[in-house]
Amino acid sequence: RLLALHAEEMLLWNRRVNLTRITAPREVLEKHILDSLMPAALLPASGRALDVGSGAGYPGVPLRVLRPGLRVVLLEADRKKASFLRVLAARLGLSGLHALEGRIEHLRAIPHPLAREPFDLVVMRAVRLDAPGLFPAVAAVLGEGGLFAYWGGARAEVPALPEGARLRLLRRF
């Protein structure tokens, strides 16, 4: 029910705000919802998670629905998309689901308590990994033993991790 409500709200907002090009119901199910949940068995079932570049809320929202013990922060740099995510979080009524506006490189400067604590899990889906400073920024927000999970398409290029990176996992799903 919550995943259907998420998709419904996303499609409604997508008419005004460009959240995604994927709007056919079957494609939303396959390419957004199921794709978000596919690697869930490999990810922590509880703790603090950060969804970087959350866009329309994928994979963060489906992961939070599937894993009630996971507290998820949806981080989105685009103001309109971040507004959508705040409305969505309120509409779904899930505790432990919050949206912040900003970039991971500047997360600690966001004046919100959720931006200051370390994360057990950082997830990215369909986000470019070649941005300068991205890996150090991810490493800076991960707690001890934290996990970084990346969902990329079949043609996604995964650059080499920087020397000495504290990233325990970088994986394409």
N, C-alpha and C. Protein backbone atom coordinates (compact mmCIF):
# COMPACT_ATOMS: atom_id res chain seq x y z
N ARG A 1 0.82 -1.19 0.00
CA ARG A 1 0.00 0.00 0.00
C ARG A 1 0.87 1.26 0.00
N LEU A 2 1.91 1.29 0.83
CA LEU A 2 2.77 2.47 0.91
C LEU A 2 3.57 2.67 -0.38
N LEU A 3 4.02 1.58 -1.00
CA LEU A 3 4.75 1.71 -2.25
C LEU A 3 3.84 2.20 -3.37
N ALA A 4 2.59 1.76 -3.37
CA ALA A 4 1.63 2.23 -4.36
C ALA A 4 1.33 3.71 -4.13
N LEU A 5 1.19 4.12 -2.88
CA LEU A 5 0.96 5.53 -2.56
C LEU A 5 2.15 6.38 -2.99
N HIS A 6 3.35 5.88 -2.77
CA HIS A 6 4.56 6.57 -3.22
C HIS A 6 4.52 6.78 -4.73
N ALA A 7 4.26 5.71 -5.47
CA ALA A 7 4.21 5.80 -6.93
C ALA A 7 3.12 6.76 -7.39
N GLU A 8 1.98 6.70 -6.75
CA GLU A 8 0.86 7.59 -7.10
C GLU A 8 1.24 9.06 -6.88
N GLU A 9 1.83 9.36 -5.75
CA GLU A 9 2.24 10.72 -5.43
C GLU A 9 3.35 11.18 -6.38
N MET A 10 4.28 10.30 -6.69
CA MET A 10 5.36 10.63 -7.62
C MET A 10 4.80 10.98 -8.99
N LEU A 11 3.86 10.19 -9.49
CA LEU A 11 3.28 10.46 -10.81
C LEU A 11 2.48 11.76 -10.81
N LEU A 12 1.81 12.06 -9.73
CA LEU A 12 1.07 13.32 -9.62
C LEU A 12 2.03 14.51 -9.67
N TRP A 13 3.08 14.47 -8.88
CA TRP A 13 4.07 15.55 -8.85
C TRP A 13 4.86 15.63 -10.15
N ASN A 14 5.06 14.51 -10.80
CA ASN A 14 5.86 14.47 -12.01
C ASN A 14 5.25 15.31 -13.13
N ARG A 15 3.97 15.60 -13.04
CA ARG A 15 3.32 16.45 -14.04
C ARG A 15 3.84 17.89 -13.96
N ARG A 16 4.25 18.31 -12.75
CA ARG A 16 4.74 19.69 -12.55
C ARG A 16 6.25 19.76 -12.36
N VAL A 17 6.81 18.74 -11.75
CA VAL A 17 8.24 18.71 -11.44
C VAL A 17 8.84 17.49 -12.13
N ASN A 18 9.90 17.69 -12.86
CA ASN A 18 10.51 16.58 -13.57
C ASN A 18 11.25 15.67 -12.60
N LEU A 19 10.55 14.70 -12.04
CA LEU A 19 11.14 13.74 -11.10
C LEU A 19 11.78 12.57 -11.82
N THR A 20 11.12 12.11 -12.88
CA THR A 20 11.58 10.92 -13.61
C THR A 20 10.96 10.88 -15.00
N ARG A 21 11.66 10.21 -15.91
CA ARG A 21 11.09 9.97 -17.24
C ARG A 21 10.27 8.69 -17.25
N ILE A 22 10.41 7.88 -16.23
CA ILE A 22 9.71 6.59 -16.16
C ILE A 22 8.36 6.83 -15.50
N THR A 23 7.29 6.71 -16.31
CA THR A 23 5.95 7.01 -15.79
C THR A 23 4.91 5.93 -16.09
N ALA A 24 5.21 4.99 -16.98
CA ALA A 24 4.26 3.92 -17.26
C ALA A 24 4.19 3.03 -16.02
N PRO A 25 2.98 2.68 -15.55
CA PRO A 25 2.85 1.92 -14.30
C PRO A 25 3.73 0.68 -14.20
N ARG A 26 3.77 -0.11 -15.26
CA ARG A 26 4.60 -1.33 -15.22
C ARG A 26 6.08 -0.98 -15.08
N GLU A 27 6.52 0.07 -15.78
CA GLU A 27 7.92 0.49 -15.69
C GLU A 27 8.24 1.07 -14.32
N VAL A 28 7.30 1.79 -13.73
CA VAL A 28 7.51 2.31 -12.37
C VAL A 28 7.73 1.14 -11.42
N LEU A 29 6.90 0.12 -11.55
CA LEU A 29 7.04 -1.07 -10.71
C LEU A 29 8.40 -1.74 -10.92
N GLU A 30 8.75 -1.99 -12.17
CA GLU A 30 9.99 -2.72 -12.46
C GLU A 30 11.25 -1.89 -12.25
N LYS A 31 11.27 -0.69 -12.83
CA LYS A 31 12.50 0.10 -12.88
C LYS A 31 12.72 1.00 -11.67
N HIS A 32 11.68 1.23 -10.90
CA HIS A 32 11.85 2.04 -9.70
C HIS A 32 11.71 1.17 -8.44
N ILE A 33 10.54 0.59 -8.26
CA ILE A 33 10.26 -0.12 -7.01
C ILE A 33 11.08 -1.41 -6.88
N LEU A 34 10.93 -2.31 -7.85
CA LEU A 34 11.65 -3.60 -7.75
C LEU A 34 13.16 -3.40 -7.82
N ASP A 35 13.62 -2.49 -8.67
CA ASP A 35 15.05 -2.22 -8.76
C ASP A 35 15.59 -1.70 -7.43
N SER A 36 14.80 -0.90 -6.73
CA SER A 36 15.21 -0.38 -5.43
C SER A 36 15.32 -1.47 -4.38
N LEU A 37 14.45 -2.47 -4.47
CA LEU A 37 14.39 -3.52 -3.46
C LEU A 37 15.29 -4.72 -3.76
N MET A 38 15.72 -4.85 -5.00
CA MET A 38 16.48 -6.03 -5.41
C MET A 38 17.68 -6.34 -4.50
N PRO A 39 18.51 -5.37 -4.15
CA PRO A 39 19.67 -5.71 -3.32
C PRO A 39 19.42 -5.64 -1.81
N ALA A 40 18.19 -5.52 -1.40
CA ALA A 40 17.88 -5.30 0.03
C ALA A 40 18.46 -6.38 0.94
N ALA A 41 18.52 -7.61 0.49
CA ALA A 41 19.05 -8.69 1.33
C ALA A 41 20.53 -8.50 1.65
N LEU A 42 21.22 -7.70 0.84
CA LEU A 42 22.64 -7.45 1.06
C LEU A 42 22.89 -6.22 1.95
N LEU A 43 21.82 -5.52 2.28
CA LEU A 43 21.94 -4.26 3.02
C LEU A 43 21.47 -4.43 4.46
N PRO A 44 21.92 -3.56 5.35
CA PRO A 44 21.48 -3.63 6.75
C PRO A 44 19.96 -3.48 6.88
N ALA A 45 19.39 -4.15 7.84
CA ALA A 45 17.95 -4.08 8.09
C ALA A 45 17.61 -2.99 9.09
N SER A 46 18.63 -2.42 9.73
CA SER A 46 18.39 -1.37 10.71
C SER A 46 19.57 -0.40 10.69
N GLY A 47 19.41 0.69 11.39
CA GLY A 47 20.45 1.70 11.45
C GLY A 47 20.04 2.95 10.70
N ARG A 48 21.04 3.80 10.44
CA ARG A 48 20.81 5.07 9.75
C ARG A 48 21.30 4.96 8.31
N ALA A 49 20.43 5.32 7.36
CA ALA A 49 20.78 5.26 5.94
C ALA A 49 20.62 6.62 5.30
N LEU A 50 21.49 6.92 4.35
CA LEU A 50 21.44 8.16 3.58
C LEU A 50 21.29 7.79 2.12
N ASP A 51 20.22 8.29 1.49
CA ASP A 51 19.98 8.08 0.07
C ASP A 51 20.42 9.36 -0.64
N VAL A 52 21.56 9.32 -1.33
CA VAL A 52 22.14 10.49 -1.97
C VAL A 52 21.57 10.68 -3.36
N GLY A 53 21.10 11.88 -3.67
CA GLY A 53 20.49 12.15 -4.97
C GLY A 53 19.19 11.40 -5.11
N SER A 54 18.37 11.48 -4.10
CA SER A 54 17.17 10.65 -3.98
C SER A 54 16.15 10.88 -5.10
N GLY A 55 16.11 12.06 -5.67
CA GLY A 55 15.20 12.33 -6.79
C GLY A 55 13.76 12.09 -6.45
N ALA A 56 13.18 11.04 -7.00
CA ALA A 56 11.77 10.69 -6.75
C ALA A 56 11.60 9.80 -5.53
N GLY A 57 12.69 9.57 -4.78
CA GLY A 57 12.60 8.77 -3.56
C GLY A 57 13.05 7.34 -3.69
N TYR A 58 13.70 7.03 -4.80
CA TYR A 58 14.18 5.67 -5.04
C TYR A 58 15.69 5.66 -4.94
N PRO A 59 16.26 4.77 -4.17
CA PRO A 59 15.74 3.58 -3.50
C PRO A 59 15.32 3.81 -2.04
N GLY A 60 15.54 5.00 -1.49
CA GLY A 60 15.35 5.24 -0.06
C GLY A 60 13.98 4.90 0.49
N VAL A 61 12.92 5.33 -0.20
CA VAL A 61 11.57 5.09 0.31
C VAL A 61 11.23 3.59 0.30
N PRO A 62 11.41 2.89 -0.83
CA PRO A 62 11.13 1.45 -0.79
C PRO A 62 11.96 0.69 0.25
N LEU A 63 13.22 1.07 0.43
CA LEU A 63 14.03 0.41 1.45
C LEU A 63 13.46 0.65 2.84
N ARG A 64 13.01 1.87 3.10
CA ARG A 64 12.43 2.19 4.42
C ARG A 64 11.12 1.42 4.64
N VAL A 65 10.31 1.28 3.60
CA VAL A 65 9.06 0.52 3.70
C VAL A 65 9.37 -0.95 4.01
N LEU A 66 10.34 -1.51 3.30
CA LEU A 66 10.70 -2.91 3.50
C LEU A 66 11.37 -3.15 4.83
N ARG A 67 12.17 -2.21 5.29
CA ARG A 67 12.98 -2.35 6.50
C ARG A 67 12.55 -1.32 7.54
N PRO A 68 11.55 -1.61 8.36
CA PRO A 68 11.07 -0.64 9.35
C PRO A 68 12.14 -0.19 10.36
N GLY A 69 13.18 -1.00 10.54
CA GLY A 69 14.25 -0.63 11.47
C GLY A 69 15.27 0.32 10.88
N LEU A 70 15.13 0.62 9.61
CA LEU A 70 16.06 1.52 8.93
C LEU A 70 15.52 2.94 9.01
N ARG A 71 16.33 3.86 9.50
CA ARG A 71 15.98 5.28 9.50
C ARG A 71 16.65 5.90 8.29
N VAL A 72 15.87 6.47 7.39
CA VAL A 72 16.36 6.91 6.10
C VAL A 72 16.28 8.43 5.96
N VAL A 73 17.39 9.02 5.54
CA VAL A 73 17.43 10.43 5.17
C VAL A 73 17.55 10.48 3.66
N LEU A 74 16.59 11.14 3.02
CA LEU A 74 16.60 11.34 1.58
C LEU A 74 17.29 12.67 1.31
N LEU A 75 18.42 12.66 0.62
CA LEU A 75 19.18 13.87 0.35
C LEU A 75 19.07 14.22 -1.13
N GLU A 76 18.58 15.41 -1.41
CA GLU A 76 18.37 15.84 -2.79
C GLU A 76 18.79 17.30 -2.95
N ALA A 77 19.63 17.57 -3.94
CA ALA A 77 20.14 18.92 -4.16
C ALA A 77 19.12 19.83 -4.84
N ASP A 78 18.26 19.28 -5.67
CA ASP A 78 17.27 20.07 -6.39
C ASP A 78 16.13 20.48 -5.46
N ARG A 79 15.87 21.76 -5.36
CA ARG A 79 14.87 22.29 -4.42
C ARG A 79 13.48 21.71 -4.65
N LYS A 80 13.04 21.65 -5.91
CA LYS A 80 11.70 21.13 -6.19
C LYS A 80 11.57 19.65 -5.83
N LYS A 81 12.61 18.88 -6.15
CA LYS A 81 12.58 17.46 -5.80
C LYS A 81 12.63 17.27 -4.29
N ALA A 82 13.42 18.09 -3.61
CA ALA A 82 13.49 18.01 -2.14
C ALA A 82 12.12 18.36 -1.54
N SER A 83 11.42 19.32 -2.12
CA SER A 83 10.07 19.66 -1.64
C SER A 83 9.13 18.48 -1.81
N PHE A 84 9.22 17.83 -2.97
CA PHE A 84 8.41 16.63 -3.19
C PHE A 84 8.70 15.59 -2.12
N LEU A 85 9.97 15.36 -1.83
CA LEU A 85 10.35 14.33 -0.86
C LEU A 85 9.84 14.66 0.54
N ARG A 86 9.84 15.94 0.92
CA ARG A 86 9.30 16.32 2.24
C ARG A 86 7.80 16.06 2.30
N VAL A 87 7.09 16.43 1.24
CA VAL A 87 5.64 16.19 1.19
C VAL A 87 5.37 14.68 1.20
N LEU A 88 6.15 13.94 0.43
CA LEU A 88 5.98 12.48 0.37
C LEU A 88 6.18 11.85 1.74
N ALA A 89 7.24 12.23 2.43
CA ALA A 89 7.52 11.67 3.76
C ALA A 89 6.35 11.93 4.70
N ALA A 90 5.80 13.14 4.65
CA ALA A 90 4.64 13.47 5.50
C ALA A 90 3.42 12.66 5.08
N ARG A 91 3.21 12.54 3.80
CA ARG A 91 2.03 11.82 3.29
C ARG A 91 2.07 10.34 3.64
N LEU A 92 3.27 9.74 3.57
CA LEU A 92 3.40 8.32 3.88
C LEU A 92 3.29 8.06 5.38
N GLY A 93 3.60 9.07 6.18
CA GLY A 93 3.48 8.94 7.63
C GLY A 93 4.43 7.93 8.25
N LEU A 94 5.56 7.70 7.62
CA LEU A 94 6.53 6.75 8.15
C LEU A 94 7.49 7.46 9.10
N SER A 95 7.57 6.97 10.32
CA SER A 95 8.60 7.51 11.20
C SER A 95 9.94 7.04 10.65
N GLY A 96 10.96 7.83 10.87
CA GLY A 96 12.28 7.44 10.39
C GLY A 96 12.51 7.68 8.92
N LEU A 97 11.69 8.52 8.29
CA LEU A 97 11.89 8.89 6.89
C LEU A 97 11.89 10.42 6.83
N HIS A 98 13.02 11.00 6.42
CA HIS A 98 13.16 12.45 6.41
C HIS A 98 13.83 12.88 5.11
N ALA A 99 13.52 14.09 4.67
CA ALA A 99 14.12 14.63 3.45
C ALA A 99 14.88 15.91 3.78
N LEU A 100 16.08 16.00 3.22
CA LEU A 100 16.92 17.20 3.37
C LEU A 100 17.32 17.68 1.99
N GLU A 101 17.45 19.00 1.87
CA GLU A 101 17.91 19.59 0.62
C GLU A 101 19.39 19.89 0.72
N GLY A 102 20.16 19.39 -0.24
CA GLY A 102 21.58 19.68 -0.26
C GLY A 102 22.36 18.61 -0.99
N ARG A 103 23.67 18.81 -0.98
CA ARG A 103 24.59 17.88 -1.61
C ARG A 103 25.40 17.17 -0.54
N ILE A 104 25.85 15.97 -0.83
CA ILE A 104 26.60 15.21 0.16
C ILE A 104 27.89 15.93 0.56
N GLU A 105 28.50 16.64 -0.38
CA GLU A 105 29.74 17.35 -0.08
C GLU A 105 29.54 18.43 0.98
N HIS A 106 28.30 18.88 1.15
CA HIS A 106 27.98 19.95 2.10
C HIS A 106 27.00 19.49 3.18
N LEU A 107 26.86 18.19 3.33
CA LEU A 107 25.86 17.65 4.26
C LEU A 107 26.03 18.17 5.68
N ARG A 108 27.25 18.17 6.18
CA ARG A 108 27.48 18.57 7.57
C ARG A 108 27.15 20.04 7.82
N ALA A 109 27.07 20.85 6.76
CA ALA A 109 26.74 22.27 6.91
C ALA A 109 25.24 22.52 6.93
N ILE A 110 24.44 21.51 6.61
CA ILE A 110 22.98 21.68 6.62
C ILE A 110 22.53 21.81 8.08
N PRO A 111 21.79 22.88 8.38
CA PRO A 111 21.39 23.10 9.78
C PRO A 111 20.24 22.20 10.23
N HIS A 112 20.53 20.92 10.32
CA HIS A 112 19.54 19.95 10.76
C HIS A 112 20.28 18.86 11.53
N PRO A 113 19.75 18.40 12.67
CA PRO A 113 20.45 17.38 13.46
C PRO A 113 20.74 16.08 12.68
N LEU A 114 19.87 15.72 11.73
CA LEU A 114 20.07 14.49 10.97
C LEU A 114 21.30 14.57 10.06
N ALA A 115 21.77 15.77 9.78
CA ALA A 115 22.91 15.95 8.89
C ALA A 115 24.24 15.79 9.62
N ARG A 116 24.20 15.63 10.92
CA ARG A 116 25.43 15.62 11.71
C ARG A 116 25.86 14.25 12.20
N GLU A 117 24.95 13.31 12.26
CA GLU A 117 25.28 11.97 12.79
C GLU A 117 25.85 11.08 11.68
N PRO A 118 26.72 10.14 12.04
CA PRO A 118 27.25 9.22 11.02
C PRO A 118 26.17 8.25 10.53
N PHE A 119 26.35 7.76 9.33
CA PHE A 119 25.40 6.83 8.72
C PHE A 119 26.00 5.43 8.66
N ASP A 120 25.14 4.44 8.82
CA ASP A 120 25.54 3.04 8.70
C ASP A 120 25.54 2.58 7.25
N LEU A 121 24.75 3.29 6.44
CA LEU A 121 24.57 2.91 5.04
C LEU A 121 24.40 4.18 4.21
N VAL A 122 25.12 4.25 3.10
CA VAL A 122 24.92 5.31 2.11
C VAL A 122 24.58 4.61 0.81
N VAL A 123 23.44 4.99 0.22
CA VAL A 123 23.02 4.39 -1.05
C VAL A 123 22.92 5.46 -2.12
N MET A 124 23.24 5.02 -3.33
CA MET A 124 23.09 5.87 -4.52
C MET A 124 22.55 5.00 -5.64
N ARG A 125 21.62 5.55 -6.36
CA ARG A 125 21.04 4.83 -7.49
C ARG A 125 20.95 5.80 -8.65
N ALA A 126 21.52 5.42 -9.78
CA ALA A 126 21.47 6.24 -10.99
C ALA A 126 22.07 7.63 -10.76
N VAL A 127 23.15 7.68 -9.98
CA VAL A 127 23.87 8.92 -9.73
C VAL A 127 25.27 8.74 -10.30
N ARG A 128 25.78 9.79 -10.94
CA ARG A 128 27.14 9.71 -11.51
C ARG A 128 28.17 9.63 -10.39
N LEU A 129 29.10 8.73 -10.54
CA LEU A 129 30.11 8.52 -9.51
C LEU A 129 31.41 9.27 -9.78
N ASP A 130 31.49 9.99 -10.89
CA ASP A 130 32.76 10.63 -11.22
C ASP A 130 32.86 12.08 -10.76
N ALA A 131 31.94 12.54 -9.95
CA ALA A 131 32.02 13.91 -9.43
C ALA A 131 33.24 14.04 -8.52
N PRO A 132 34.03 15.10 -8.71
CA PRO A 132 35.21 15.27 -7.85
C PRO A 132 34.80 15.38 -6.37
N GLY A 133 35.50 14.67 -5.54
CA GLY A 133 35.24 14.74 -4.11
C GLY A 133 34.10 13.88 -3.62
N LEU A 134 33.46 13.12 -4.50
CA LEU A 134 32.31 12.31 -4.08
C LEU A 134 32.70 11.23 -3.09
N PHE A 135 33.71 10.43 -3.41
CA PHE A 135 34.09 9.34 -2.51
C PHE A 135 34.57 9.85 -1.14
N PRO A 136 35.39 10.89 -1.08
CA PRO A 136 35.75 11.41 0.25
C PRO A 136 34.53 11.91 1.03
N ALA A 137 33.56 12.50 0.32
CA ALA A 137 32.35 12.97 0.99
C ALA A 137 31.55 11.81 1.55
N VAL A 138 31.45 10.72 0.78
CA VAL A 138 30.74 9.53 1.26
C VAL A 138 31.46 8.97 2.47
N ALA A 139 32.77 8.83 2.36
CA ALA A 139 33.56 8.28 3.47
C ALA A 139 33.42 9.14 4.72
N ALA A 140 33.29 10.45 4.55
CA ALA A 140 33.20 11.37 5.68
C ALA A 140 31.89 11.23 6.46
N VAL A 141 30.83 10.76 5.82
CA VAL A 141 29.54 10.66 6.51
C VAL A 141 29.26 9.24 7.01
N LEU A 142 30.05 8.27 6.56
CA LEU A 142 29.87 6.89 7.02
C LEU A 142 30.44 6.71 8.41
N GLY A 143 29.72 5.99 9.24
CA GLY A 143 30.23 5.62 10.54
C GLY A 143 31.21 4.47 10.41
N GLU A 144 31.81 4.11 11.52
CA GLU A 144 32.75 2.99 11.55
C GLU A 144 32.07 1.72 11.03
N GLY A 145 32.68 1.08 10.04
CA GLY A 145 32.11 -0.14 9.47
C GLY A 145 30.93 0.11 8.56
N GLY A 146 30.70 1.37 8.19
CA GLY A 146 29.56 1.71 7.33
C GLY A 146 29.69 1.10 5.94
N LEU A 147 28.58 1.06 5.24
CA LEU A 147 28.48 0.41 3.94
C LEU A 147 28.05 1.42 2.89
N PHE A 148 28.68 1.39 1.73
CA PHE A 148 28.30 2.23 0.59
C PHE A 148 27.80 1.30 -0.50
N ALA A 149 26.56 1.49 -0.94
CA ALA A 149 25.98 0.64 -1.99
C ALA A 149 25.55 1.52 -3.15
N TYR A 150 25.91 1.11 -4.35
CA TYR A 150 25.61 1.85 -5.57
C TYR A 150 24.85 0.97 -6.54
N TRP A 151 23.73 1.49 -7.02
CA TRP A 151 22.96 0.83 -8.07
C TRP A 151 23.32 1.53 -9.37
N GLY A 152 23.85 0.81 -10.33
CA GLY A 152 24.15 1.38 -11.64
C GLY A 152 23.58 0.50 -12.72
N GLY A 153 23.35 1.10 -13.85
CA GLY A 153 22.86 0.33 -14.99
C GLY A 153 23.95 -0.57 -15.54
N ALA A 154 23.60 -1.35 -16.53
CA ALA A 154 24.54 -2.31 -17.12
C ALA A 154 25.76 -1.62 -17.71
N ARG A 155 25.60 -0.38 -18.16
CA ARG A 155 26.71 0.35 -18.76
C ARG A 155 27.37 1.33 -17.79
N ALA A 156 27.00 1.29 -16.54
CA ALA A 156 27.55 2.24 -15.56
C ALA A 156 29.03 1.99 -15.35
N GLU A 157 29.78 3.06 -15.38
CA GLU A 157 31.22 3.00 -15.13
C GLU A 157 31.46 3.28 -13.65
N VAL A 158 32.16 2.40 -12.98
CA VAL A 158 32.48 2.59 -11.58
C VAL A 158 33.97 2.92 -11.50
N PRO A 159 34.29 4.16 -11.15
CA PRO A 159 35.70 4.53 -11.07
C PRO A 159 36.39 3.83 -9.90
N ALA A 160 37.71 3.78 -9.96
CA ALA A 160 38.48 3.17 -8.88
C ALA A 160 38.33 4.00 -7.61
N LEU A 161 38.31 3.33 -6.49
CA LEU A 161 38.25 4.03 -5.21
C LEU A 161 39.57 4.74 -4.95
N PRO A 162 39.51 5.90 -4.31
CA PRO A 162 40.76 6.58 -3.99
C PRO A 162 41.59 5.78 -2.99
N GLU A 163 42.89 5.98 -3.05
CA GLU A 163 43.83 5.31 -2.12
C GLU A 163 43.40 5.57 -0.68
N GLY A 164 43.31 4.52 0.12
CA GLY A 164 42.99 4.67 1.54
C GLY A 164 41.52 4.95 1.83
N ALA A 165 40.63 4.77 0.85
CA ALA A 165 39.20 5.06 1.08
C ALA A 165 38.65 4.14 2.16
N ARG A 166 37.78 4.67 3.03
CA ARG A 166 37.15 3.90 4.09
C ARG A 166 35.83 3.28 3.62
N LEU A 167 35.68 3.05 2.36
CA LEU A 167 34.43 2.52 1.85
C LEU A 167 34.51 1.00 1.85
N ARG A 168 33.63 0.38 2.60
CA ARG A 168 33.66 -1.06 2.76
C ARG A 168 33.12 -1.81 1.55
N LEU A 169 32.19 -1.19 0.84
CA LEU A 169 31.60 -1.88 -0.31
C LEU A 169 31.24 -0.86 -1.37
N LEU A 170 31.61 -1.17 -2.56
CA LEU A 170 31.15 -0.43 -3.73
C LEU A 170 30.72 -1.49 -4.71
N ARG A 171 29.47 -1.52 -5.02
CA ARG A 171 28.96 -2.63 -5.83
C ARG A 171 27.91 -2.13 -6.79
N ARG A 172 27.95 -2.66 -7.99
CA ARG A 172 26.91 -2.35 -8.98
C ARG A 172 25.87 -3.43 -8.90
N PHE A 173 24.60 -3.03 -8.85
CA PHE A 173 23.51 -4.00 -8.84
C PHE A 173 22.84 -4.00 -10.19
